Structure formats: structure tokens, C-alpha cells
């Protein structure tokens, strides 16, 4: 599960931190994102998903939504979470 979204320390976006800590299988997450029609840049230790807004997904499960609008970040988080959870649980 994830903590609620919060403004990141730089103020340039909103982040979600996994609680308890977890490690994501980025290959599985990437495949799940692509199956859902998202463009993904794989930078080995993180993924950059071309969603609206763009989101960075790190190996440690941290999600960074690149928007200053909390409602936009919240909607994007709600859309993305089932995809990530499905990939993490071994789902489709």
C-alpha cells in the first residue's frame, strides 16, 4: 500500500511512498504499463511513463507525478495504482 500523495521536497510534483517499503520488478511494471497503452522509458533503475501527468517510478516503489496540481496527481495516482499493484502481485 502507499501513503497518500504529498508535495515532494522540491515542490515540483507530488510523490507517493510505499508503506511498508517494497521493491518493484520494473520489467513487469513496464510490461503492464505498455499493455495499458502508456509509453515507457526504461532507465534501468526507474521508469518514466508518458501519462498525463508524466510519472517516474523507481525501483524502491516511489512514484513521482510531475504536476503542481494536487487533483491531477490524485487522479493519475488512482489510474496508475491498479496497474502497478497488478504487476507486483503477478497479475496480468
N, C-alpha and C. Protein backbone atom coordinates (compact mmCIF):
# COMPACT_ATOMS: atom_id res chain seq x y z
N UNK A 1 0.83 -1.18 0.00
CA UNK A 1 0.00 0.00 0.00
C UNK A 1 0.87 1.25 0.00
N UNK A 2 0.31 2.34 -0.38
CA UNK A 2 1.02 3.61 -0.46
C UNK A 2 0.47 4.63 0.51
N UNK A 3 1.37 5.45 1.00
CA UNK A 3 0.94 6.62 1.76
C UNK A 3 0.22 7.55 0.80
N UNK A 4 -0.52 8.46 1.33
CA UNK A 4 -1.20 9.41 0.46
C UNK A 4 -0.19 10.28 -0.27
N UNK A 5 -0.63 10.90 -1.34
CA UNK A 5 0.24 11.79 -2.10
C UNK A 5 0.63 12.99 -1.26
N UNK A 6 1.86 13.42 -1.44
CA UNK A 6 2.31 14.64 -0.76
C UNK A 6 3.21 15.41 -1.71
N UNK A 7 3.27 16.71 -1.51
CA UNK A 7 4.13 17.56 -2.29
C UNK A 7 5.56 17.13 -2.05
N UNK A 8 6.33 16.92 -3.12
CA UNK A 8 7.72 16.49 -2.93
C UNK A 8 8.56 17.67 -2.42
N UNK A 9 9.74 17.36 -1.92
CA UNK A 9 10.56 18.37 -1.25
C UNK A 9 10.96 19.52 -2.17
N UNK A 10 11.09 19.26 -3.47
CA UNK A 10 11.46 20.33 -4.40
C UNK A 10 10.26 21.18 -4.80
N UNK A 11 9.06 20.69 -4.52
CA UNK A 11 7.84 21.40 -4.86
C UNK A 11 7.45 21.27 -6.33
N UNK A 12 8.17 20.43 -7.08
CA UNK A 12 7.89 20.30 -8.50
C UNK A 12 6.91 19.21 -8.87
N UNK A 13 6.42 18.50 -7.89
CA UNK A 13 5.50 17.42 -8.17
C UNK A 13 4.97 16.82 -6.89
N UNK A 14 4.21 15.74 -7.05
CA UNK A 14 3.66 15.03 -5.91
C UNK A 14 4.22 13.62 -5.91
N UNK A 15 4.47 13.09 -4.72
CA UNK A 15 5.05 11.77 -4.62
C UNK A 15 4.19 10.87 -3.75
N UNK A 16 4.28 9.58 -4.06
CA UNK A 16 3.66 8.55 -3.24
C UNK A 16 4.79 7.61 -2.83
N UNK A 17 4.84 7.32 -1.54
CA UNK A 17 5.89 6.47 -0.98
C UNK A 17 5.24 5.18 -0.49
N UNK A 18 5.80 4.02 -0.87
CA UNK A 18 5.21 2.76 -0.39
C UNK A 18 5.40 2.59 1.11
N UNK A 19 4.37 2.07 1.75
CA UNK A 19 4.43 1.81 3.19
C UNK A 19 3.68 0.52 3.46
N UNK A 20 4.35 -0.56 3.77
CA UNK A 20 5.77 -0.66 4.09
C UNK A 20 6.62 -0.59 2.83
N UNK A 21 7.94 -0.37 3.02
CA UNK A 21 8.84 -0.31 1.87
C UNK A 21 8.73 -1.56 1.00
N UNK A 22 8.93 -1.37 -0.29
CA UNK A 22 8.83 -2.50 -1.21
C UNK A 22 9.77 -2.28 -2.38
N UNK A 23 10.07 -3.33 -3.07
CA UNK A 23 10.90 -3.25 -4.27
C UNK A 23 10.03 -3.71 -5.44
N UNK A 24 10.01 -2.92 -6.50
CA UNK A 24 9.21 -3.26 -7.68
C UNK A 24 10.05 -3.97 -8.72
N UNK A 25 9.45 -4.92 -9.40
CA UNK A 25 10.06 -5.56 -10.56
C UNK A 25 9.74 -4.65 -11.75
N UNK A 26 10.68 -3.79 -12.10
CA UNK A 26 10.41 -2.78 -13.13
C UNK A 26 10.11 -3.39 -14.49
N UNK A 27 10.65 -4.56 -14.78
CA UNK A 27 10.32 -5.20 -16.07
C UNK A 27 8.84 -5.54 -16.13
N UNK A 28 8.30 -6.06 -15.04
CA UNK A 28 6.88 -6.41 -15.01
C UNK A 28 6.01 -5.15 -15.03
N UNK A 29 6.43 -4.14 -14.28
CA UNK A 29 5.67 -2.88 -14.26
C UNK A 29 5.67 -2.25 -15.65
N UNK A 30 6.83 -2.26 -16.30
CA UNK A 30 6.91 -1.69 -17.65
C UNK A 30 5.95 -2.42 -18.59
N UNK A 31 5.97 -3.74 -18.56
CA UNK A 31 5.09 -4.52 -19.44
C UNK A 31 3.62 -4.19 -19.15
N UNK A 32 3.27 -4.06 -17.88
CA UNK A 32 1.88 -3.75 -17.52
C UNK A 32 1.49 -2.35 -18.00
N UNK A 33 2.39 -1.40 -17.86
CA UNK A 33 2.10 -0.04 -18.33
C UNK A 33 1.91 -0.02 -19.84
N UNK A 34 2.80 -0.72 -20.56
CA UNK A 34 2.69 -0.76 -22.02
C UNK A 34 1.41 -1.45 -22.47
N UNK A 35 1.01 -2.50 -21.76
CA UNK A 35 -0.27 -3.16 -22.09
C UNK A 35 -1.45 -2.21 -21.90
N UNK A 36 -1.28 -1.24 -21.04
CA UNK A 36 -2.33 -0.25 -20.79
C UNK A 36 -2.17 0.99 -21.68
N UNK A 37 -1.33 0.88 -22.70
CA UNK A 37 -1.22 1.93 -23.70
C UNK A 37 -0.30 3.09 -23.35
N UNK A 38 0.53 2.94 -22.33
CA UNK A 38 1.43 4.04 -21.96
C UNK A 38 2.80 3.85 -22.59
N UNK A 39 3.37 4.97 -23.03
CA UNK A 39 4.76 4.96 -23.49
C UNK A 39 5.64 4.93 -22.24
N UNK A 40 6.71 4.13 -22.28
CA UNK A 40 7.58 3.99 -21.11
C UNK A 40 9.03 4.10 -21.54
N UNK A 41 9.78 4.94 -20.84
CA UNK A 41 11.23 5.00 -21.00
C UNK A 41 11.82 4.21 -19.83
N UNK A 42 12.63 3.22 -20.16
CA UNK A 42 13.24 2.37 -19.14
C UNK A 42 14.67 2.85 -18.90
N UNK A 43 14.92 3.43 -17.73
CA UNK A 43 16.25 3.92 -17.38
C UNK A 43 16.92 2.98 -16.38
N UNK A 44 16.59 1.72 -16.44
CA UNK A 44 17.10 0.63 -15.60
C UNK A 44 16.70 0.72 -14.14
N UNK A 45 17.00 1.80 -13.45
CA UNK A 45 16.65 1.92 -12.03
C UNK A 45 15.34 2.66 -11.84
N UNK A 46 14.76 3.14 -12.94
CA UNK A 46 13.47 3.81 -12.88
C UNK A 46 12.80 3.76 -14.23
N UNK A 47 11.49 3.93 -14.20
CA UNK A 47 10.70 4.03 -15.42
C UNK A 47 10.11 5.43 -15.49
N UNK A 48 9.97 5.95 -16.69
CA UNK A 48 9.29 7.21 -16.91
C UNK A 48 8.11 6.92 -17.82
N UNK A 49 6.92 7.06 -17.26
CA UNK A 49 5.71 6.73 -18.00
C UNK A 49 5.12 8.00 -18.60
N UNK A 50 4.84 7.95 -19.88
CA UNK A 50 4.29 9.08 -20.61
C UNK A 50 2.80 9.22 -20.40
N UNK A 51 2.39 9.34 -19.16
CA UNK A 51 0.98 9.54 -18.85
C UNK A 51 0.73 11.04 -18.68
N UNK A 52 -0.47 11.38 -18.32
CA UNK A 52 -0.78 12.79 -18.07
C UNK A 52 -1.23 12.92 -16.63
N UNK A 53 -0.37 13.38 -15.76
CA UNK A 53 0.98 13.91 -15.98
C UNK A 53 2.01 12.77 -16.07
N UNK A 54 3.19 13.13 -16.53
CA UNK A 54 4.29 12.17 -16.56
C UNK A 54 4.58 11.69 -15.14
N UNK A 55 4.92 10.41 -15.02
CA UNK A 55 5.24 9.86 -13.70
C UNK A 55 6.54 9.06 -13.78
N UNK A 56 7.35 9.23 -12.75
CA UNK A 56 8.59 8.46 -12.61
C UNK A 56 8.35 7.40 -11.55
N UNK A 57 8.73 6.17 -11.87
CA UNK A 57 8.53 5.03 -10.98
C UNK A 57 9.90 4.46 -10.67
N UNK A 58 10.29 4.48 -9.40
CA UNK A 58 11.61 3.99 -9.03
C UNK A 58 11.54 2.55 -8.55
N UNK A 59 12.70 1.89 -8.51
CA UNK A 59 12.79 0.51 -8.06
C UNK A 59 12.26 0.35 -6.64
N UNK A 60 12.44 1.36 -5.83
CA UNK A 60 12.00 1.27 -4.43
C UNK A 60 10.51 1.56 -4.28
N UNK A 61 9.80 1.70 -5.41
CA UNK A 61 8.36 1.87 -5.38
C UNK A 61 7.88 3.30 -5.30
N UNK A 62 8.79 4.25 -5.20
CA UNK A 62 8.40 5.67 -5.12
C UNK A 62 7.83 6.11 -6.46
N UNK A 63 6.71 6.83 -6.41
CA UNK A 63 6.07 7.36 -7.61
C UNK A 63 6.14 8.88 -7.53
N UNK A 64 6.60 9.51 -8.59
CA UNK A 64 6.68 10.96 -8.63
C UNK A 64 5.86 11.47 -9.82
N UNK A 65 4.80 12.20 -9.51
CA UNK A 65 3.91 12.76 -10.52
C UNK A 65 4.33 14.19 -10.80
N UNK A 66 4.66 14.48 -12.05
CA UNK A 66 5.21 15.78 -12.41
C UNK A 66 4.10 16.78 -12.73
N UNK A 67 3.49 17.27 -11.67
CA UNK A 67 2.44 18.27 -11.77
C UNK A 67 2.40 19.06 -10.47
N UNK A 68 1.98 20.29 -10.55
CA UNK A 68 1.82 21.09 -9.34
C UNK A 68 0.36 21.11 -8.88
N UNK A 69 -0.50 20.41 -9.60
CA UNK A 69 -1.92 20.37 -9.27
C UNK A 69 -2.25 19.10 -8.48
N UNK A 70 -2.65 19.23 -7.23
CA UNK A 70 -2.91 18.03 -6.42
C UNK A 70 -4.05 17.16 -6.97
N UNK A 71 -5.06 17.74 -7.57
CA UNK A 71 -6.17 16.95 -8.11
C UNK A 71 -5.72 16.13 -9.31
N UNK A 72 -4.89 16.72 -10.16
CA UNK A 72 -4.35 15.99 -11.31
C UNK A 72 -3.49 14.82 -10.83
N UNK A 73 -2.66 15.06 -9.83
CA UNK A 73 -1.81 14.00 -9.29
C UNK A 73 -2.66 12.89 -8.68
N UNK A 74 -3.70 13.25 -7.97
CA UNK A 74 -4.56 12.27 -7.33
C UNK A 74 -5.27 11.39 -8.37
N UNK A 75 -5.77 11.99 -9.43
CA UNK A 75 -6.44 11.21 -10.49
C UNK A 75 -5.44 10.28 -11.17
N UNK A 76 -4.24 10.77 -11.45
CA UNK A 76 -3.22 9.94 -12.10
C UNK A 76 -2.82 8.78 -11.18
N UNK A 77 -2.68 9.05 -9.89
CA UNK A 77 -2.34 8.01 -8.93
C UNK A 77 -3.42 6.94 -8.90
N UNK A 78 -4.67 7.34 -8.90
CA UNK A 78 -5.79 6.40 -8.87
C UNK A 78 -5.81 5.51 -10.12
N UNK A 79 -5.43 6.06 -11.28
CA UNK A 79 -5.38 5.27 -12.52
C UNK A 79 -4.18 4.34 -12.54
N UNK A 80 -3.05 4.79 -12.01
CA UNK A 80 -1.80 4.04 -12.10
C UNK A 80 -1.69 2.94 -11.06
N UNK A 81 -2.21 3.15 -9.88
CA UNK A 81 -2.03 2.20 -8.78
C UNK A 81 -2.49 0.78 -9.12
N UNK A 82 -3.67 0.58 -9.71
CA UNK A 82 -4.07 -0.80 -10.02
C UNK A 82 -3.12 -1.49 -11.00
N UNK A 83 -2.54 -0.74 -11.92
CA UNK A 83 -1.60 -1.31 -12.88
C UNK A 83 -0.34 -1.78 -12.16
N UNK A 84 0.18 -0.93 -11.29
CA UNK A 84 1.40 -1.29 -10.54
C UNK A 84 1.13 -2.43 -9.58
N UNK A 85 0.01 -2.37 -8.88
CA UNK A 85 -0.33 -3.44 -7.94
C UNK A 85 -0.50 -4.76 -8.66
N UNK A 86 -1.15 -4.74 -9.81
CA UNK A 86 -1.32 -5.97 -10.60
C UNK A 86 0.00 -6.56 -11.05
N UNK A 87 0.93 -5.71 -11.46
CA UNK A 87 2.24 -6.18 -11.89
C UNK A 87 3.03 -6.71 -10.70
N UNK A 88 2.87 -6.09 -9.54
CA UNK A 88 3.60 -6.50 -8.34
C UNK A 88 3.07 -7.81 -7.78
N UNK A 89 1.78 -8.06 -7.96
CA UNK A 89 1.16 -9.27 -7.43
C UNK A 89 1.23 -10.43 -8.42
N UNK A 90 1.87 -10.19 -9.55
CA UNK A 90 1.95 -11.23 -10.55
C UNK A 90 0.74 -11.31 -11.44
N UNK A 91 -0.10 -10.27 -11.39
CA UNK A 91 -1.32 -10.23 -12.20
C UNK A 91 -1.01 -9.92 -13.64
N UNK A 92 -2.05 -9.79 -14.48
CA UNK A 92 -1.86 -9.54 -15.91
C UNK A 92 -1.25 -8.21 -16.21
